[in-house]
């Protein structure tokens, strides 16, 4: 679980949706309320939540599909108070103590808590009594892909289903991600509109496509080649993000592909220390030295498959992360190419045919059966 820093890049689109969410936060009941935002992966739920992330006391927490209750409470408590709670050995004692401390730390304060990417209503059941209601219009934003989860967390406000980006905003986002402040040349505007239409209003798809186009952004023939590729890659919206990731992956230079797949070694929502990541790349012989490794990382960031999470004061990238759609692609592709095996439960050595294995458990005391 990691707090999501606001990205460096300017965001485009969703101005009307942002205003609606702000109205939900500022108007209505004085009681504690939950604002559920529903949409498919890559549709922009997290982006909207980031824009309205401002209040007296605030905390942002991403919830992985295999979350741990004590870690979840610890993360929120740390964000709210700026401190860490340690010293409990028994997990049940830790959960009870953290829940009580979190509730006390929020008592009497107006707060905004963002619970990003909730997959299971049980996570809400584990947290709900830690959020006090003292009639001061405190709010909790929950983003989820699942309508049933949105209904389960609802208090007073009905779930808000995030619409797809309209074509004009899709084209504006595509052009911005390709050209930044330069502006799109007139001779490329028509083809950019045609490509934006193929992205079906999904911001993640638009951003991934922009990362491909950027490599030869001034060549009209390249834009038309990408448009033609989209016709063969993209099907229904539900699989649109993953198939676009395949297109992005296919267009990466061969030397970057193992570096991207290696991101699957890290857990969902993890903020990855760049110094650690680059050292691992060098140890794996993906790259020979730190300078080249830094260049590789910047190439992946420029391709929009890796995101900047936090920068140093001098502008260098300190932490990076990947969208969960990108992570899912890396895990699937790694297994397909026998690059890496990701294990989330009991493990039999006979199952291991890959060169690397990554273990992930919701219970920190669990371990693989080998």
Foldseek 3Di string as FASTA:
>chain_A
DDFFDDFPDDDFDPPVVLVVVVCVQPDDFLWEFEAEEAAAAQQCPVVSCVVNQDDDFEAEDEADPLAALLVRLQRRQCRRPVDGDDDDDDPVVSLVVSLVSLLVSCPPGAYEYEYEADDDLVSCVSRVSSHDIPRRSHYYYYYYHDLVSQVSRGDPDHHHYDDFGDLVRLLVLLQCLQPPPPGDDPVCSVLSSLQSVLLVRRNLLSNLLSLLCNVPVVDNVSSVVSSVVSVVQADDPNCRNLSSLVVSLVSDPPLLNLLLLCLLLDDPPDWAFLVVSLVVCCVVVSDPDSVVSQVSVVSCVSSVQKGQRDADPVGHGGTIHGRVSSSVSSQVVCVVVLAEHEAEAEDDPVVRPHPYYHYDYNDPPDDYDD
